[in-house]
Amino acid sequence: MPKIAIGAGHGYNTPGKRTPDGEREWSFNDKVVTAAIDELKNYENAEVLRLDDRTGKTDVSLSTRTTGANNFGADILISYHHNANTGKWGSWGGTETYCYHGSSGGSALARKIHPVIVDAMQLRDRGIKTANFHMLRESRMPAILVEGGFMDSTTDIKRMRSNSVLKQTGKDLAKAIANYFNLKRKSNSGGSNEYVEIITHSLWTYNSADWDDKAVIVNKGEVFTVIRDKFKVGGGHMYQIKSGLYITANSKYVRFYKG
């Protein structure tokens, strides 16, 4: 059973962690992390430890966070933040992800998660970087620190102020984690099943999350139960269906619905 340690950076009242208009960084971070944890509940065999204070009242120390993750026996650690430059509004911005230098596990995790956050936030891709941050250095598992956007960016703040954007980013983060561990979605998650219907004449399915690994052809009108929600594969997206096969998530070819 994969163990996932995840936390929103800082606390609500942490000094200096503000937009130029006084909005709190923790509030942005919390919306993503809360959505991610809620979404992970829809997957089988995922055990989650939240590292920060879910109320935001206490800025849990870095050492307490990493000690907690290490004692938990976490398989990965994700620390979620939003960035700042000068503290005054400017035109800079973008999403970046950090791992510890020399950590192959951290680098591999970053490569799985970073593109998903960039895609969800729809901001400039500042890339994957290395740093000697405590959260990365003192954790005994692959660890990353995500900076979703810049709080003092006139561009980024528009996305950050959207609750729907931050919630979707959290859900997409959870799906990327599920993909990383190859977790299966619970059949009764969300209180209803999810389906895809073939709306084109015929379509390939795939044995694995690989566009070259073709399995069998399915035909227009056939309906399949989705067990893993949409996730990114190469330049597109796939669903995993109940048979264990994979299918495109392109709305030109399939219709997704809940029932």
C-alpha atoms as a PDB file:
ATOM      1  CA  MET A   1       0.000   0.000   0.000  1.00  0.00           C
ATOM      2  CA  PRO A   2       1.681   3.247  -1.147  1.00  0.00           C
ATOM      3  CA  LYS A   3       2.137   5.845   1.587  1.00  0.00           C
ATOM      4  CA  ILE A   4       1.896   9.447   0.441  1.00  0.00           C
ATOM      5  CA  ALA A   5       3.069  12.391   2.551  1.00  0.00           C
ATOM      6  CA  ILE A   6       1.744  15.721   1.309  1.00  0.00           C
ATOM      7  CA  GLY A   7       1.511  19.178   2.793  1.00  0.00           C
ATOM      8  CA  ALA A   8       0.563  22.765   2.072  1.00  0.00           C
ATOM      9  CA  GLY A   9       3.561  25.013   2.576  1.00  0.00           C
ATOM     10  CA  HIS A  10       3.642  27.333   5.636  1.00  0.00           C
ATOM     11  CA  GLY A  11       0.637  28.352   7.759  1.00  0.00           C
ATOM     12  CA  TYR A  12      -2.101  30.921   7.311  1.00  0.00           C
ATOM     13  CA  ASN A  13      -0.341  33.550   9.445  1.00  0.00           C
ATOM     14  CA  THR A  14       3.265  32.865   8.433  1.00  0.00           C
ATOM     15  CA  PRO A  15       4.940  36.282   8.087  1.00  0.00           C
ATOM     16  CA  GLY A  16       5.770  37.440   4.584  1.00  0.00           C
ATOM     17  CA  LYS A  17       3.845  34.732   2.757  1.00  0.00           C
ATOM     18  CA  ARG A  18       1.382  37.132   1.140  1.00  0.00           C
ATOM     19  CA  THR A  19       0.365  38.574  -2.200  1.00  0.00           C
ATOM     20  CA  PRO A  20       0.864  42.342  -2.582  1.00  0.00           C
ATOM     21  CA  ASP A  21      -2.859  42.588  -1.730  1.00  0.00           C
ATOM     22  CA  GLY A  22      -2.471  40.589   1.482  1.00  0.00           C
ATOM     23  CA  GLU A  23      -3.820  37.196   0.375  1.00  0.00           C
ATOM     24  CA  ARG A  24      -2.203  34.285   2.222  1.00  0.00           C
ATOM     25  CA  GLU A  25      -0.018  31.745   0.440  1.00  0.00           C
ATOM     26  CA  TRP A  26      -1.306  28.921   2.652  1.00  0.00           C
ATOM     27  CA  SER A  27      -4.838  29.553   1.407  1.00  0.00           C
ATOM     28  CA  PHE A  28      -3.775  28.868  -2.174  1.00  0.00           C
ATOM     29  CA  ASN A  29      -1.643  25.879  -1.174  1.00  0.00           C
ATOM     30  CA  ASP A  30      -4.406  24.422   1.003  1.00  0.00           C
ATOM     31  CA  LYS A  31      -6.990  24.409  -1.796  1.00  0.00           C
ATOM     32  CA  VAL A  32      -4.708  22.301  -3.988  1.00  0.00           C
ATOM     33  CA  VAL A  33      -3.657  19.911  -1.238  1.00  0.00           C
ATOM     34  CA  THR A  34      -7.193  19.451   0.118  1.00  0.00           C
ATOM     35  CA  ALA A  35      -8.494  18.649  -3.373  1.00  0.00           C
ATOM     36  CA  ALA A  36      -5.627  16.212  -3.933  1.00  0.00           C
ATOM     37  CA  ILE A  37      -6.285  14.354  -0.676  1.00  0.00           C
ATOM     38  CA  ASP A  38     -10.020  14.205  -1.361  1.00  0.00           C
ATOM     39  CA  GLU A  39      -9.375  12.794  -4.828  1.00  0.00           C
ATOM     40  CA  LEU A  40      -6.898  10.203  -3.534  1.00  0.00           C
ATOM     41  CA  LYS A  41      -9.716   8.769  -1.392  1.00  0.00           C
ATOM     42  CA  ASN A  42     -11.240   7.546  -4.654  1.00  0.00           C
ATOM     43  CA  TYR A  43      -8.306   5.172  -5.258  1.00  0.00           C
ATOM     44  CA  GLU A  44      -7.616   1.777  -3.786  1.00  0.00           C
ATOM     45  CA  ASN A  45      -4.699   1.206  -1.416  1.00  0.00           C
ATOM     46  CA  ALA A  46      -3.595   4.833  -0.986  1.00  0.00           C
ATOM     47  CA  GLU A  47      -2.586   5.876   2.542  1.00  0.00           C
ATOM     48  CA  VAL A  48      -2.114   9.627   3.002  1.00  0.00           C
ATOM     49  CA  LEU A  49      -0.416  11.696   5.714  1.00  0.00           C
ATOM     50  CA  ARG A  50      -1.035  15.441   5.668  1.00  0.00           C
ATOM     51  CA  LEU A  51       2.072  17.209   6.944  1.00  0.00           C
ATOM     52  CA  ASP A  52       0.729  20.710   7.631  1.00  0.00           C
ATOM     53  CA  ASP A  53      -1.992  21.876  10.006  1.00  0.00           C
ATOM     54  CA  ARG A  54      -5.195  21.500   7.973  1.00  0.00           C
ATOM     55  CA  THR A  55      -6.639  24.566   9.770  1.00  0.00           C
ATOM     56  CA  GLY A  56      -3.628  26.697   8.895  1.00  0.00           C
ATOM     57  CA  LYS A  57      -3.441  28.043  12.455  1.00  0.00           C
ATOM     58  CA  THR A  58       0.011  26.567  13.101  1.00  0.00           C
ATOM     59  CA  ASP A  59       2.988  26.751  10.783  1.00  0.00           C
ATOM     60  CA  VAL A  60       4.264  23.225  11.384  1.00  0.00           C
ATOM     61  CA  SER A  61       8.062  23.283  11.452  1.00  0.00           C
ATOM     62  CA  LEU A  62      10.035  21.763   8.600  1.00  0.00           C
ATOM     63  CA  SER A  63      11.740  19.273  10.922  1.00  0.00           C
ATOM     64  CA  THR A  64       8.363  18.135  12.300  1.00  0.00           C
ATOM     65  CA  ARG A  65       7.119  17.610   8.758  1.00  0.00           C
ATOM     66  CA  THR A  66      10.068  15.549   7.544  1.00  0.00           C
ATOM     67  CA  THR A  67      10.295  13.570  10.785  1.00  0.00           C
ATOM     68  CA  GLY A  68       6.609  12.789  10.463  1.00  0.00           C
ATOM     69  CA  ALA A  69       7.025  11.651   6.854  1.00  0.00           C
ATOM     70  CA  ASN A  70      10.050   9.519   7.723  1.00  0.00           C
ATOM     71  CA  ASN A  71       8.330   7.883  10.710  1.00  0.00           C
ATOM     72  CA  PHE A  72       5.234   7.275   8.579  1.00  0.00           C
ATOM     73  CA  GLY A  73       7.408   5.352   6.135  1.00  0.00           C
ATOM     74  CA  ALA A  74       6.191   7.482   3.254  1.00  0.00           C
ATOM     75  CA  ASP A  75       6.997   6.314  -0.258  1.00  0.00           C
ATOM     76  CA  ILE A  76       6.876   9.873  -1.636  1.00  0.00           C
ATOM     77  CA  LEU A  77       6.680  13.393  -0.229  1.00  0.00           C
ATOM     78  CA  ILE A  78       5.106  16.396  -1.948  1.00  0.00           C
ATOM     79  CA  SER A  79       5.376  19.890  -0.473  1.00  0.00           C
ATOM     80  CA  TYR A  80       3.043  22.296  -2.277  1.00  0.00           C
ATOM     81  CA  HIS A  81       3.759  26.039  -2.456  1.00  0.00           C
ATOM     82  CA  HIS A  82       3.249  29.196  -4.485  1.00  0.00           C
ATOM     83  CA  ASN A  83       6.191  31.436  -5.286  1.00  0.00           C
ATOM     84  CA  ALA A  84       7.049  35.131  -4.936  1.00  0.00           C
ATOM     85  CA  ASN A  85       9.649  37.384  -6.501  1.00  0.00           C
ATOM     86  CA  THR A  86       9.821  40.979  -5.216  1.00  0.00           C
ATOM     87  CA  GLY A  87       6.579  41.148  -3.273  1.00  0.00           C
ATOM     88  CA  LYS A  88       5.297  43.779  -5.692  1.00  0.00           C
ATOM     89  CA  TRP A  89       3.204  43.121  -8.774  1.00  0.00           C
ATOM     90  CA  GLY A  90       5.218  42.234 -11.864  1.00  0.00           C
ATOM     91  CA  SER A  91       5.133  40.393 -15.179  1.00  0.00           C
ATOM     92  CA  TRP A  92       7.205  37.352 -14.143  1.00  0.00           C
ATOM     93  CA  GLY A  93       5.592  34.022 -13.379  1.00  0.00           C
ATOM     94  CA  GLY A  94       5.344  30.313 -14.013  1.00  0.00           C
ATOM     95  CA  THR A  95       5.332  26.868 -12.438  1.00  0.00           C
ATOM     96  CA  GLU A  96       8.473  25.089 -11.251  1.00  0.00           C
ATOM     97  CA  THR A  97       9.231  21.918  -9.326  1.00  0.00           C
ATOM     98  CA  TYR A  98      12.257  21.162  -7.166  1.00  0.00           C
ATOM     99  CA  CYS A  99      13.957  17.927  -6.178  1.00  0.00           C
ATOM    100  CA  TYR A 100      17.157  17.317  -4.201  1.00  0.00           C
ATOM    101  CA  HIS A 101      20.331  17.324  -6.268  1.00  0.00           C
ATOM    102  CA  GLY A 102      21.550  13.794  -6.886  1.00  0.00           C
ATOM    103  CA  SER A 103      18.210  12.198  -5.979  1.00  0.00           C
ATOM    104  CA  SER A 104      17.212   9.907  -8.849  1.00  0.00           C
ATOM    105  CA  GLY A 105      13.941   9.079  -7.098  1.00  0.00           C
ATOM    106  CA  GLY A 106      13.107  12.733  -6.562  1.00  0.00           C
ATOM    107  CA  SER A 107      13.927  13.510 -10.175  1.00  0.00           C
ATOM    108  CA  ALA A 108      11.714  10.676 -11.425  1.00  0.00           C
ATOM    109  CA  LEU A 109       8.837  11.842  -9.234  1.00  0.00           C
ATOM    110  CA  ALA A 110       9.256  15.415 -10.463  1.00  0.00           C
ATOM    111  CA  ARG A 111       9.098  14.261 -14.075  1.00  0.00           C
ATOM    112  CA  LYS A 112       5.763  12.562 -13.357  1.00  0.00           C
ATOM    113  CA  ILE A 113       4.191  15.432 -11.410  1.00  0.00           C
ATOM    114  CA  HIS A 114       5.570  18.656 -12.901  1.00  0.00           C
ATOM    115  CA  PRO A 115       4.002  18.431 -16.392  1.00  0.00           C
ATOM    116  CA  VAL A 116       0.603  17.752 -14.814  1.00  0.00           C
ATOM    117  CA  ILE A 117       0.785  20.894 -12.659  1.00  0.00           C
ATOM    118  CA  VAL A 118       1.939  22.980 -15.623  1.00  0.00           C
ATOM    119  CA  ASP A 119      -0.954  21.634 -17.678  1.00  0.00           C
ATOM    120  CA  ALA A 120      -3.471  22.352 -14.914  1.00  0.00           C
ATOM    121  CA  MET A 121      -2.242  25.844 -14.022  1.00  0.00           C
ATOM    122  CA  GLN A 122      -1.662  26.781 -17.676  1.00  0.00           C
ATOM    123  CA  LEU A 123       1.237  29.039 -16.751  1.00  0.00           C
ATOM    124  CA  ARG A 124       4.779  29.348 -18.037  1.00  0.00           C
ATOM    125  CA  ASP A 125       6.824  26.168 -17.590  1.00  0.00           C
ATOM    126  CA  ARG A 126       9.881  27.131 -15.546  1.00  0.00           C
ATOM    127  CA  GLY A 127      11.061  23.523 -15.470  1.00  0.00           C
ATOM    128  CA  ILE A 128      12.372  21.032 -12.945  1.00  0.00           C
ATOM    129  CA  LYS A 129      15.203  22.302 -10.752  1.00  0.00           C
ATOM    130  CA  THR A 130      17.347  21.079  -7.872  1.00  0.00           C
ATOM    131  CA  ALA A 131      17.743  22.752  -4.496  1.00  0.00           C
ATOM    132  CA  ASN A 132      19.050  22.112  -0.992  1.00  0.00           C
ATOM    133  CA  PHE A 133      15.671  22.679   0.664  1.00  0.00           C
ATOM    134  CA  HIS A 134      15.082  21.018   4.041  1.00  0.00           C
ATOM    135  CA  MET A 135      11.967  19.194   2.822  1.00  0.00           C
ATOM    136  CA  LEU A 136      13.982  17.581   0.039  1.00  0.00           C
ATOM    137  CA  ARG A 137      17.237  17.006   1.915  1.00  0.00           C
ATOM    138  CA  GLU A 138      15.909  15.545   5.161  1.00  0.00           C
ATOM    139  CA  SER A 139      13.243  13.230   3.742  1.00  0.00           C
ATOM    140  CA  ARG A 140      14.219   9.589   3.264  1.00  0.00           C
ATOM    141  CA  MET A 141      11.903   9.050   0.307  1.00  0.00           C
ATOM    142  CA  PRO A 142      11.640  10.643  -3.164  1.00  0.00           C
ATOM    143  CA  ALA A 143      10.522  14.201  -2.463  1.00  0.00           C
ATOM    144  CA  ILE A 144       9.533  17.243  -4.488  1.00  0.00           C
ATOM    145  CA  LEU A 145       8.580  20.832  -3.731  1.00  0.00           C
ATOM    146  CA  VAL A 146       6.130  22.376  -6.182  1.00  0.00           C
ATOM    147  CA  GLU A 147       5.755  26.122  -6.781  1.00  0.00           C
ATOM    148  CA  GLY A 148       2.422  26.344  -8.591  1.00  0.00           C
ATOM    149  CA  GLY A 149       2.699  29.999  -9.576  1.00  0.00           C
ATOM    150  CA  PHE A 150       3.885  33.430  -8.416  1.00  0.00           C
ATOM    151  CA  MET A 151       1.740  35.260  -5.874  1.00  0.00           C
ATOM    152  CA  ASP A 152       3.107  38.618  -7.050  1.00  0.00           C
ATOM    153  CA  SER A 153       2.611  37.942 -10.757  1.00  0.00           C
ATOM    154  CA  THR A 154      -0.113  39.889 -12.543  1.00  0.00           C
ATOM    155  CA  THR A 155      -0.537  36.857 -14.807  1.00  0.00           C
ATOM    156  CA  ASP A 156      -0.397  33.994 -12.326  1.00  0.00           C
ATOM    157  CA  ILE A 157      -2.657  35.543  -9.694  1.00  0.00           C
ATOM    158  CA  LYS A 158      -5.635  35.340 -12.067  1.00  0.00           C
ATOM    159  CA  ARG A 159      -5.324  31.549 -12.105  1.00  0.00           C
ATOM    160  CA  MET A 160      -4.549  31.343  -8.397  1.00  0.00           C
ATOM    161  CA  ARG A 161      -7.660  33.321  -7.465  1.00  0.00           C
ATOM    162  CA  SER A 162      -9.858  30.758  -9.218  1.00  0.00           C
ATOM    163  CA  ASN A 163     -11.070  28.133  -6.757  1.00  0.00           C
ATOM    164  CA  SER A 164     -12.007  25.871  -9.666  1.00  0.00           C
ATOM    165  CA  VAL A 165      -8.473  26.074 -11.092  1.00  0.00           C
ATOM    166  CA  LEU A 166      -6.858  25.207  -7.759  1.00  0.00           C
ATOM    167  CA  LYS A 167      -9.343  22.397  -7.088  1.00  0.00           C
ATOM    168  CA  GLN A 168      -8.761  20.902 -10.531  1.00  0.00           C
ATOM    169  CA  THR A 169      -5.000  21.224 -10.049  1.00  0.00           C
ATOM    170  CA  GLY A 170      -5.311  19.221  -6.829  1.00  0.00           C
ATOM    171  CA  LYS A 171      -7.424  16.575  -8.529  1.00  0.00           C
ATOM    172  CA  ASP A 172      -4.929  16.335 -11.387  1.00  0.00           C
ATOM    173  CA  LEU A 173      -2.083  16.074  -8.876  1.00  0.00           C
ATOM    174  CA  ALA A 174      -3.855  13.140  -7.219  1.00  0.00           C
ATOM    175  CA  LYS A 175      -4.383  11.453 -10.583  1.00  0.00           C
ATOM    176  CA  ALA A 176      -0.674  11.876 -11.354  1.00  0.00           C
ATOM    177  CA  ILE A 177       0.177  10.277  -8.007  1.00  0.00           C
ATOM    178  CA  ALA A 178      -2.221   7.426  -8.793  1.00  0.00           C
ATOM    179  CA  ASN A 179      -0.526   6.999 -12.160  1.00  0.00           C
ATOM    180  CA  TYR A 180       2.902   7.023 -10.495  1.00  0.00           C
ATOM    181  CA  PHE A 181       1.866   4.123  -8.229  1.00  0.00           C
ATOM    182  CA  ASN A 182      -0.425   2.488 -10.820  1.00  0.00           C
ATOM    183  CA  LEU A 183      -3.361   2.773  -8.412  1.00  0.00           C
ATOM    184  CA  LYS A 184      -6.830   1.683  -9.466  1.00  0.00           C
ATOM    185  CA  ARG A 185      -9.862   3.839  -8.950  1.00  0.00           C
ATOM    186  CA  LYS A 186     -12.512   2.450  -6.592  1.00  0.00           C
ATOM    187  CA  SER A 187     -15.493   1.212  -8.553  1.00  0.00           C
ATOM    188  CA  ASN A 188     -17.942   3.081  -6.294  1.00  0.00           C
ATOM    189  CA  SER A 189     -15.933   6.298  -5.879  1.00  0.00           C
ATOM    190  CA  GLY A 190     -18.018   9.443  -5.921  1.00  0.00           C
ATOM    191  CA  GLY A 191     -21.214   7.449  -5.416  1.00  0.00           C
ATOM    192  CA  SER A 192     -21.582   6.620  -9.113  1.00  0.00           C
ATOM    193  CA  ASN A 193     -19.756   4.759 -11.846  1.00  0.00           C
ATOM    194  CA  GLU A 194     -17.930   6.468 -14.688  1.00  0.00           C
ATOM    195  CA  TYR A 195     -18.198   5.321 -18.284  1.00  0.00           C
ATOM    196  CA  VAL A 196     -16.860   5.947 -21.764  1.00  0.00           C
ATOM    197  CA  GLU A 197     -18.946   5.387 -24.877  1.00  0.00           C
ATOM    198  CA  ILE A 198     -17.330   4.971 -28.288  1.00  0.00           C
ATOM    199  CA  ILE A 199     -18.684   7.683 -30.593  1.00  0.00           C
ATOM    200  CA  THR A 200     -16.452   7.081 -33.614  1.00  0.00           C
ATOM    201  CA  HIS A 201     -16.794   4.167 -36.066  1.00  0.00           C
ATOM    202  CA  SER A 202     -14.049   2.065 -34.433  1.00  0.00           C
ATOM    203  CA  LEU A 203     -11.176   2.604 -32.062  1.00  0.00           C
ATOM    204  CA  TRP A 204      -8.090   0.841 -30.738  1.00  0.00           C
ATOM    205  CA  THR A 205      -7.676  -0.048 -27.080  1.00  0.00           C
ATOM    206  CA  TYR A 206      -4.232  -0.567 -25.523  1.00  0.00           C
ATOM    207  CA  ASN A 207      -2.661  -3.190 -23.269  1.00  0.00           C
ATOM    208  CA  SER A 208      -0.798  -0.524 -21.287  1.00  0.00           C
ATOM    209  CA  ALA A 209      -0.509   3.258 -21.046  1.00  0.00           C
ATOM    210  CA  ASP A 210       1.452   3.284 -24.302  1.00  0.00           C
ATOM    211  CA  TRP A 211       0.055   4.429 -27.643  1.00  0.00           C
ATOM    212  CA  ASP A 212       2.130   1.781 -29.447  1.00  0.00           C
ATOM    213  CA  ASP A 213       0.870  -1.134 -27.327  1.00  0.00           C
ATOM    214  CA  LYS A 214      -2.357  -1.816 -29.265  1.00  0.00           C
ATOM    215  CA  ALA A 215      -4.790  -4.455 -27.991  1.00  0.00           C
ATOM    216  CA  VAL A 216      -8.199  -4.864 -29.660  1.00  0.00           C
ATOM    217  CA  ILE A 217     -10.559  -2.706 -31.705  1.00  0.00           C
ATOM    218  CA  VAL A 218     -13.853  -1.555 -30.165  1.00  0.00           C
ATOM    219  CA  ASN A 219     -16.806  -0.176 -32.098  1.00  0.00           C
ATOM    220  CA  LYS A 220     -19.251   2.707 -32.052  1.00  0.00           C
ATOM    221  CA  GLY A 221     -21.899   2.465 -29.330  1.00  0.00           C
ATOM    222  CA  GLU A 222     -19.901   0.174 -27.012  1.00  0.00           C
ATOM    223  CA  VAL A 223     -19.712   1.379 -23.394  1.00  0.00           C
ATOM    224  CA  PHE A 224     -16.972   0.633 -20.859  1.00  0.00           C
ATOM    225  CA  THR A 225     -16.613   1.291 -17.127  1.00  0.00           C
ATOM    226  CA  VAL A 226     -13.727   3.593 -16.228  1.00  0.00           C
ATOM    227  CA  ILE A 227     -11.567   2.470 -13.285  1.00  0.00           C
ATOM    228  CA  ARG A 228      -8.854   5.107 -13.636  1.00  0.00           C
ATOM    229  CA  ASP A 229      -9.793   8.669 -14.545  1.00  0.00           C
ATOM    230  CA  LYS A 230      -8.168  10.650 -17.342  1.00  0.00           C
ATOM    231  CA  PHE A 231      -4.382  10.903 -17.112  1.00  0.00           C
ATOM    232  CA  LYS A 232      -1.703  12.179 -19.434  1.00  0.00           C
ATOM    233  CA  VAL A 233       0.169   9.827 -21.770  1.00  0.00           C
ATOM    234  CA  GLY A 234       2.624  11.399 -24.182  1.00  0.00           C
ATOM    235  CA  GLY A 235       0.840  14.132 -26.107  1.00  0.00           C
ATOM    236  CA  GLY A 236      -2.645  12.933 -25.164  1.00  0.00           C
ATOM    237  CA  HIS A 237      -4.752  11.438 -22.393  1.00  0.00           C
ATOM    238  CA  MET A 238      -6.110   7.970 -21.585  1.00  0.00           C
ATOM    239  CA  TYR A 239      -8.648   6.237 -19.359  1.00  0.00           C
ATOM    240  CA  GLN A 240      -8.193   2.754 -17.940  1.00  0.00           C
ATOM    241  CA  ILE A 241     -11.318   0.621 -18.300  1.00  0.00           C
ATOM    242  CA  LYS A 242     -12.595  -2.262 -16.162  1.00  0.00           C
ATOM    243  CA  SER A 243     -11.040  -4.963 -18.343  1.00  0.00           C
ATOM    244  CA  GLY A 244      -7.627  -3.492 -17.527  1.00  0.00           C
ATOM    245  CA  LEU A 245      -7.181  -2.115 -21.029  1.00  0.00           C
ATOM    246  CA  TYR A 246      -6.570   1.543 -21.801  1.00  0.00           C
ATOM    247  CA  ILE A 247      -8.445   3.828 -24.178  1.00  0.00           C
ATOM    248  CA  THR A 248      -8.075   7.361 -25.482  1.00  0.00           C
ATOM    249  CA  ALA A 249      -9.761  10.155 -23.531  1.00  0.00           C
ATOM    250  CA  ASN A 250     -10.051  12.348 -26.628  1.00  0.00           C
ATOM    251  CA  SER A 251     -13.621  13.672 -26.739  1.00  0.00           C
ATOM    252  CA  LYS A 252     -13.579  13.398 -30.527  1.00  0.00           C
ATOM    253  CA  TYR A 253     -13.669   9.608 -30.155  1.00  0.00           C
ATOM    254  CA  VAL A 254     -15.271   8.849 -26.794  1.00  0.00           C
ATOM    255  CA  ARG A 255     -17.970  10.333 -24.566  1.00  0.00           C
ATOM    256  CA  PHE A 256     -17.273  10.321 -20.842  1.00  0.00           C
ATOM    257  CA  TYR A 257     -20.176  10.332 -18.402  1.00  0.00           C
ATOM    258  CA  LYS A 258     -21.253   9.282 -14.911  1.00  0.00           C
ATOM    259  CA  GLY A 259     -24.179   7.044 -14.151  1.00  0.00           C
END
